[in-house]
Amino acid sequence: MSVSKSKNLERKLDNFAKEAKNELDNVCGSSLWETLGFVFFDQLKDSEKIAKANFYYGQLQIINEIKFSI
């Protein structure tokens, strides 16, 4: 992969990660989820919020795996 394509991919992944983190902050009401992870999601009272938090946390995990492999 060329350097420009690699930088472009990294920028896109960073944008996806930023969006996922913003959504997690909104769902959880704070950034405390970053240190507690799934434990924090279990404390949410709304099952829809728990599902949304798990979805975006899963996205972040995939983004990190892709970044690690490039």
PDB file of N, CA and C in Angstrom:
ATOM      1  N   MET A   1       0.857  -1.171   0.000  1.00  0.00           N
ATOM      2  CA  MET A   1       0.000   0.000   0.000  1.00  0.00           C
ATOM      3  C   MET A   1       0.903   1.234   0.000  1.00  0.00           C
ATOM      4  N   SER A   2       0.551   2.190  -0.837  1.00  0.00           N
ATOM      5  CA  SER A   2       1.347   3.403  -0.909  1.00  0.00           C
ATOM      6  C   SER A   2       1.187   4.218   0.372  1.00  0.00           C
ATOM      7  N   VAL A   3       2.133   5.109   0.564  1.00  0.00           N
ATOM      8  CA  VAL A   3       2.118   5.951   1.765  1.00  0.00           C
ATOM      9  C   VAL A   3       0.864   6.815   1.804  1.00  0.00           C
ATOM     10  N   SER A   4       0.481   7.365   0.660  1.00  0.00           N
ATOM     11  CA  SER A   4      -0.703   8.237   0.645  1.00  0.00           C
ATOM     12  C   SER A   4      -1.978   7.455   0.947  1.00  0.00           C
ATOM     13  N   LYS A   5      -2.087   6.226   0.421  1.00  0.00           N
ATOM     14  CA  LYS A   5      -3.262   5.409   0.715  1.00  0.00           C
ATOM     15  C   LYS A   5      -3.280   4.996   2.176  1.00  0.00           C
ATOM     16  N   SER A   6      -2.113   4.711   2.723  1.00  0.00           N
ATOM     17  CA  SER A   6      -2.009   4.335   4.131  1.00  0.00           C
ATOM     18  C   SER A   6      -2.420   5.491   5.035  1.00  0.00           C
ATOM     19  N   LYS A   7      -1.955   6.686   4.719  1.00  0.00           N
ATOM     20  CA  LYS A   7      -2.324   7.872   5.506  1.00  0.00           C
ATOM     21  C   LYS A   7      -3.816   8.157   5.387  1.00  0.00           C
ATOM     22  N   ASN A   8      -4.359   7.978   4.189  1.00  0.00           N
ATOM     23  CA  ASN A   8      -5.786   8.203   3.973  1.00  0.00           C
ATOM     24  C   ASN A   8      -6.608   7.205   4.786  1.00  0.00           C
ATOM     25  N   LEU A   9      -6.210   5.942   4.780  1.00  0.00           N
ATOM     26  CA  LEU A   9      -6.903   4.922   5.565  1.00  0.00           C
ATOM     27  C   LEU A   9      -6.822   5.235   7.049  1.00  0.00           C
ATOM     28  N   GLU A  10      -5.657   5.641   7.505  1.00  0.00           N
ATOM     29  CA  GLU A  10      -5.492   5.978   8.921  1.00  0.00           C
ATOM     30  C   GLU A  10      -6.376   7.156   9.311  1.00  0.00           C
ATOM     31  N   ARG A  11      -6.475   8.156   8.431  1.00  0.00           N
ATOM     32  CA  ARG A  11      -7.331   9.316   8.696  1.00  0.00           C
ATOM     33  C   ARG A  11      -8.797   8.901   8.784  1.00  0.00           C
ATOM     34  N   LYS A  12      -9.224   8.020   7.871  1.00  0.00           N
ATOM     35  CA  LYS A  12     -10.606   7.550   7.890  1.00  0.00           C
ATOM     36  C   LYS A  12     -10.895   6.745   9.157  1.00  0.00           C
ATOM     37  N   LEU A  13      -9.963   5.898   9.547  1.00  0.00           N
ATOM     38  CA  LEU A  13     -10.146   5.122  10.777  1.00  0.00           C
ATOM     39  C   LEU A  13     -10.228   6.037  11.989  1.00  0.00           C
ATOM     40  N   ASP A  14      -9.394   7.082  12.010  1.00  0.00           N
ATOM     41  CA  ASP A  14      -9.439   8.051  13.111  1.00  0.00           C
ATOM     42  C   ASP A  14     -10.789   8.749  13.167  1.00  0.00           C
ATOM     43  N   ASN A  15     -11.343   9.074  11.992  1.00  0.00           N
ATOM     44  CA  ASN A  15     -12.667   9.714  11.948  1.00  0.00           C
ATOM     45  C   ASN A  15     -13.751   8.775  12.469  1.00  0.00           C
ATOM     46  N   PHE A  16     -13.677   7.493  12.069  1.00  0.00           N
ATOM     47  CA  PHE A  16     -14.642   6.513  12.570  1.00  0.00           C
ATOM     48  C   PHE A  16     -14.522   6.356  14.086  1.00  0.00           C
ATOM     49  N   ALA A  17     -13.294   6.323  14.579  1.00  0.00           N
ATOM     50  CA  ALA A  17     -13.069   6.176  16.022  1.00  0.00           C
ATOM     51  C   ALA A  17     -13.606   7.390  16.771  1.00  0.00           C
ATOM     52  N   LYS A  18     -13.381   8.566  16.234  1.00  0.00           N
ATOM     53  CA  LYS A  18     -13.870   9.798  16.877  1.00  0.00           C
ATOM     54  C   LYS A  18     -15.399   9.794  16.944  1.00  0.00           C
ATOM     55  N   GLU A  19     -16.033   9.391  15.846  1.00  0.00           N
ATOM     56  CA  GLU A  19     -17.497   9.321  15.822  1.00  0.00           C
ATOM     57  C   GLU A  19     -18.013   8.305  16.840  1.00  0.00           C
ATOM     58  N   ALA A  20     -17.375   7.142  16.913  1.00  0.00           N
ATOM     59  CA  ALA A  20     -17.797   6.116  17.866  1.00  0.00           C
ATOM     60  C   ALA A  20     -17.623   6.604  19.297  1.00  0.00           C
ATOM     61  N   LYS A  21     -16.514   7.270  19.584  1.00  0.00           N
ATOM     62  CA  LYS A  21     -16.282   7.798  20.936  1.00  0.00           C
ATOM     63  C   LYS A  21     -17.309   8.866  21.286  1.00  0.00           C
ATOM     64  N   ASN A  22     -17.638   9.734  20.338  1.00  0.00           N
ATOM     65  CA  ASN A  22     -18.657  10.756  20.592  1.00  0.00           C
ATOM     66  C   ASN A  22     -20.012  10.122  20.888  1.00  0.00           C
ATOM     67  N   GLU A  23     -20.360   9.089  20.131  1.00  0.00           N
ATOM     68  CA  GLU A  23     -21.627   8.397  20.372  1.00  0.00           C
ATOM     69  C   GLU A  23     -21.620   7.726  21.747  1.00  0.00           C
ATOM     70  N   LEU A  24     -20.500   7.113  22.106  1.00  0.00           N
ATOM     71  CA  LEU A  24     -20.400   6.478  23.427  1.00  0.00           C
ATOM     72  C   LEU A  24     -20.511   7.515  24.541  1.00  0.00           C
ATOM     73  N   ASP A  25     -19.880   8.666  24.368  1.00  0.00           N
ATOM     74  CA  ASP A  25     -19.996   9.736  25.351  1.00  0.00           C
ATOM     75  C   ASP A  25     -21.449  10.173  25.509  1.00  0.00           C
ATOM     76  N   ASN A  26     -22.161  10.277  24.383  1.00  0.00           N
ATOM     77  CA  ASN A  26     -23.571  10.688  24.424  1.00  0.00           C
ATOM     78  C   ASN A  26     -24.437   9.631  25.101  1.00  0.00           C
ATOM     79  N   VAL A  27     -24.236   8.378  24.740  1.00  0.00           N
ATOM     80  CA  VAL A  27     -25.048   7.290  25.307  1.00  0.00           C
ATOM     81  C   VAL A  27     -24.785   7.145  26.802  1.00  0.00           C
ATOM     82  N   CYS A  28     -23.510   7.212  27.181  1.00  0.00           N
ATOM     83  CA  CYS A  28     -23.131   6.970  28.576  1.00  0.00           C
ATOM     84  C   CYS A  28     -23.211   8.216  29.447  1.00  0.00           C
ATOM     85  N   GLY A  29     -23.256   9.383  28.823  1.00  0.00           N
ATOM     86  CA  GLY A  29     -23.349  10.619  29.590  1.00  0.00           C
ATOM     87  C   GLY A  29     -22.007  11.125  30.099  1.00  0.00           C
ATOM     88  N   SER A  30     -20.937  10.419  29.819  1.00  0.00           N
ATOM     89  CA  SER A  30     -19.589  10.853  30.205  1.00  0.00           C
ATOM     90  C   SER A  30     -18.569   9.995  29.467  1.00  0.00           C
ATOM     91  N   SER A  31     -17.303  10.291  29.678  1.00  0.00           N
ATOM     92  CA  SER A  31     -16.244   9.492  29.056  1.00  0.00           C
ATOM     93  C   SER A  31     -15.696   8.439  30.015  1.00  0.00           C
ATOM     94  N   LEU A  32     -16.403   8.199  31.099  1.00  0.00           N
ATOM     95  CA  LEU A  32     -15.965   7.205  32.084  1.00  0.00           C
ATOM     96  C   LEU A  32     -15.900   5.797  31.487  1.00  0.00           C
ATOM     97  N   TRP A  33     -16.656   5.542  30.455  1.00  0.00           N
ATOM     98  CA  TRP A  33     -16.646   4.242  29.781  1.00  0.00           C
ATOM     99  C   TRP A  33     -15.250   3.885  29.273  1.00  0.00           C
ATOM    100  N   GLU A  34     -14.416   4.911  28.974  1.00  0.00           N
ATOM    101  CA  GLU A  34     -13.078   4.647  28.437  1.00  0.00           C
ATOM    102  C   GLU A  34     -12.210   3.874  29.429  1.00  0.00           C
ATOM    103  N   THR A  35     -12.417   4.094  30.712  1.00  0.00           N
ATOM    104  CA  THR A  35     -11.622   3.380  31.717  1.00  0.00           C
ATOM    105  C   THR A  35     -12.313   2.123  32.209  1.00  0.00           C
ATOM    106  N   LEU A  36     -13.648   2.094  32.162  1.00  0.00           N
ATOM    107  CA  LEU A  36     -14.380   0.945  32.694  1.00  0.00           C
ATOM    108  C   LEU A  36     -14.856  -0.035  31.634  1.00  0.00           C
ATOM    109  N   GLY A  37     -15.014   0.404  30.400  1.00  0.00           N
ATOM    110  CA  GLY A  37     -15.449  -0.479  29.321  1.00  0.00           C
ATOM    111  C   GLY A  37     -16.816  -1.076  29.556  1.00  0.00           C
ATOM    112  N   PHE A  38     -16.925  -2.394  29.327  1.00  0.00           N
ATOM    113  CA  PHE A  38     -18.211  -3.087  29.430  1.00  0.00           C
ATOM    114  C   PHE A  38     -18.837  -2.980  30.816  1.00  0.00           C
ATOM    115  N   VAL A  39     -18.037  -2.864  31.844  1.00  0.00           N
ATOM    116  CA  VAL A  39     -18.567  -2.749  33.202  1.00  0.00           C
ATOM    117  C   VAL A  39     -19.473  -1.525  33.309  1.00  0.00           C
ATOM    118  N   PHE A  40     -19.081  -0.446  32.665  1.00  0.00           N
ATOM    119  CA  PHE A  40     -19.890   0.770  32.692  1.00  0.00           C
ATOM    120  C   PHE A  40     -21.216   0.561  31.962  1.00  0.00           C
ATOM    121  N   PHE A  41     -21.190  -0.168  30.855  1.00  0.00           N
ATOM    122  CA  PHE A  41     -22.407  -0.372  30.078  1.00  0.00           C
ATOM    123  C   PHE A  41     -23.451  -1.144  30.881  1.00  0.00           C
ATOM    124  N   ASP A  42     -23.007  -2.052  31.719  1.00  0.00           N
ATOM    125  CA  ASP A  42     -23.936  -2.832  32.540  1.00  0.00           C
ATOM    126  C   ASP A  42     -24.699  -1.949  33.520  1.00  0.00           C
ATOM    127  N   GLN A  43     -24.172  -0.780  33.827  1.00  0.00           N
ATOM    128  CA  GLN A  43     -24.825   0.124  34.769  1.00  0.00           C
ATOM    129  C   GLN A  43     -25.894   0.993  34.105  1.00  0.00           C
ATOM    130  N   LEU A  44     -25.925   0.981  32.776  1.00  0.00           N
ATOM    131  CA  LEU A  44     -26.953   1.751  32.078  1.00  0.00           C
ATOM    132  C   LEU A  44     -28.308   1.081  32.301  1.00  0.00           C
ATOM    133  N   LYS A  45     -29.346   1.879  32.482  1.00  0.00           N
ATOM    134  CA  LYS A  45     -30.662   1.338  32.815  1.00  0.00           C
ATOM    135  C   LYS A  45     -31.484   0.968  31.580  1.00  0.00           C
ATOM    136  N   ASP A  46     -31.245   1.616  30.487  1.00  0.00           N
ATOM    137  CA  ASP A  46     -32.026   1.406  29.261  1.00  0.00           C
ATOM    138  C   ASP A  46     -31.345   0.358  28.376  1.00  0.00           C
ATOM    139  N   SER A  47     -32.070  -0.689  28.018  1.00  0.00           N
ATOM    140  CA  SER A  47     -31.491  -1.763  27.207  1.00  0.00           C
ATOM    141  C   SER A  47     -31.086  -1.271  25.817  1.00  0.00           C
ATOM    142  N   GLU A  48     -31.785  -0.275  25.304  1.00  0.00           N
ATOM    143  CA  GLU A  48     -31.418   0.303  24.011  1.00  0.00           C
ATOM    144  C   GLU A  48     -30.068   1.015  24.102  1.00  0.00           C
ATOM    145  N   LYS A  49     -29.829   1.703  25.207  1.00  0.00           N
ATOM    146  CA  LYS A  49     -28.538   2.373  25.413  1.00  0.00           C
ATOM    147  C   LYS A  49     -27.414   1.349  25.561  1.00  0.00           C
ATOM    148  N   ILE A  50     -27.695   0.264  26.253  1.00  0.00           N
ATOM    149  CA  ILE A  50     -26.693  -0.794  26.422  1.00  0.00           C
ATOM    150  C   ILE A  50     -26.321  -1.370  25.062  1.00  0.00           C
ATOM    151  N   ALA A  51     -27.318  -1.635  24.228  1.00  0.00           N
ATOM    152  CA  ALA A  51     -27.069  -2.187  22.894  1.00  0.00           C
ATOM    153  C   ALA A  51     -26.264  -1.215  22.036  1.00  0.00           C
ATOM    154  N   LYS A  52     -26.625   0.056  22.103  1.00  0.00           N
ATOM    155  CA  LYS A  52     -25.912   1.068  21.324  1.00  0.00           C
ATOM    156  C   LYS A  52     -24.466   1.207  21.806  1.00  0.00           C
ATOM    157  N   ALA A  53     -24.272   1.198  23.106  1.00  0.00           N
ATOM    158  CA  ALA A  53     -22.923   1.298  23.671  1.00  0.00           C
ATOM    159  C   ALA A  53     -22.079   0.098  23.253  1.00  0.00           C
ATOM    160  N   ASN A  54     -22.651  -1.082  23.307  1.00  0.00           N
ATOM    161  CA  ASN A  54     -21.926  -2.286  22.893  1.00  0.00           C
ATOM    162  C   ASN A  54     -21.563  -2.232  21.407  1.00  0.00           C
ATOM    163  N   PHE A  55     -22.470  -1.724  20.587  1.00  0.00           N
ATOM    164  CA  PHE A  55     -22.209  -1.600  19.158  1.00  0.00           C
ATOM    165  C   PHE A  55     -21.015  -0.688  18.895  1.00  0.00           C
ATOM    166  N   TYR A  56     -21.042   0.510  19.477  1.00  0.00           N
ATOM    167  CA  TYR A  56     -19.957   1.462  19.230  1.00  0.00           C
ATOM    168  C   TYR A  56     -18.648   1.019  19.871  1.00  0.00           C
ATOM    169  N   TYR A  57     -18.718   0.352  20.995  1.00  0.00           N
ATOM    170  CA  TYR A  57     -17.501  -0.173  21.615  1.00  0.00           C
ATOM    171  C   TYR A  57     -16.899  -1.265  20.727  1.00  0.00           C
ATOM    172  N   GLY A  58     -17.744  -2.073  20.134  1.00  0.00           N
ATOM    173  CA  GLY A  58     -17.280  -3.087  19.191  1.00  0.00           C
ATOM    174  C   GLY A  58     -16.627  -2.461  17.971  1.00  0.00           C
ATOM    175  N   GLN A  59     -17.194  -1.363  17.487  1.00  0.00           N
ATOM    176  CA  GLN A  59     -16.582  -0.645  16.369  1.00  0.00           C
ATOM    177  C   GLN A  59     -15.179  -0.172  16.734  1.00  0.00           C
ATOM    178  N   LEU A  60     -15.031   0.363  17.930  1.00  0.00           N
ATOM    179  CA  LEU A  60     -13.718   0.836  18.364  1.00  0.00           C
ATOM    180  C   LEU A  60     -12.713  -0.311  18.429  1.00  0.00           C
ATOM    181  N   GLN A  61     -13.150  -1.455  18.877  1.00  0.00           N
ATOM    182  CA  GLN A  61     -12.266  -2.615  18.949  1.00  0.00           C
ATOM    183  C   GLN A  61     -11.807  -3.015  17.547  1.00  0.00           C
ATOM    184  N   ILE A  62     -12.720  -3.025  16.595  1.00  0.00           N
ATOM    185  CA  ILE A  62     -12.375  -3.386  15.213  1.00  0.00           C
ATOM    186  C   ILE A  62     -11.412  -2.360  14.623  1.00  0.00           C
ATOM    187  N   ILE A  63     -11.676  -1.087  14.853  1.00  0.00           N
ATOM    188  CA  ILE A  63     -10.794  -0.023  14.361  1.00  0.00           C
ATOM    189  C   ILE A  63      -9.392  -0.200  14.923  1.00  0.00           C
ATOM    190  N   ASN A  64      -9.291  -0.491  16.202  1.00  0.00           N
ATOM    191  CA  ASN A  64      -7.974  -0.688  16.818  1.00  0.00           C
ATOM    192  C   ASN A  64      -7.259  -1.898  16.228  1.00  0.00           C
ATOM    193  N   GLU A  65      -7.990  -2.969  15.949  1.00  0.00           N
ATOM    194  CA  GLU A  65      -7.386  -4.165  15.338  1.00  0.00           C
ATOM    195  C   GLU A  65      -6.869  -3.851  13.934  1.00  0.00           C
ATOM    196  N   ILE A  66      -7.654  -3.099  13.158  1.00  0.00           N
ATOM    197  CA  ILE A  66      -7.222  -2.733  11.815  1.00  0.00           C
ATOM    198  C   ILE A  66      -5.977  -1.846  11.886  1.00  0.00           C
ATOM    199  N   LYS A  67      -6.001  -0.862  12.772  1.00  0.00           N
ATOM    200  CA  LYS A  67      -4.833   0.023  12.917  1.00  0.00           C
ATOM    201  C   LYS A  67      -3.587  -0.754  13.310  1.00  0.00           C
ATOM    202  N   PHE A  68      -3.756  -1.738  14.158  1.00  0.00           N
ATOM    203  CA  PHE A  68      -2.619  -2.548  14.611  1.00  0.00           C
ATOM    204  C   PHE A  68      -2.030  -3.375  13.460  1.00  0.00           C
ATOM    205  N   SER A  69      -2.903  -3.790  12.536  1.00  0.00           N
ATOM    206  CA  SER A  69      -2.447  -4.662  11.456  1.00  0.00           C
ATOM    207  C   SER A  69      -1.863  -3.914  10.264  1.00  0.00           C
ATOM    208  N   ILE A  70      -2.037  -2.593  10.205  1.00  0.00           N
ATOM    209  CA  ILE A  70      -1.466  -1.856   9.056  1.00  0.00           C
ATOM    210  C   ILE A  70      -0.134  -1.226   9.391  1.00  0.00           C
TER     211      ILE A  70
END
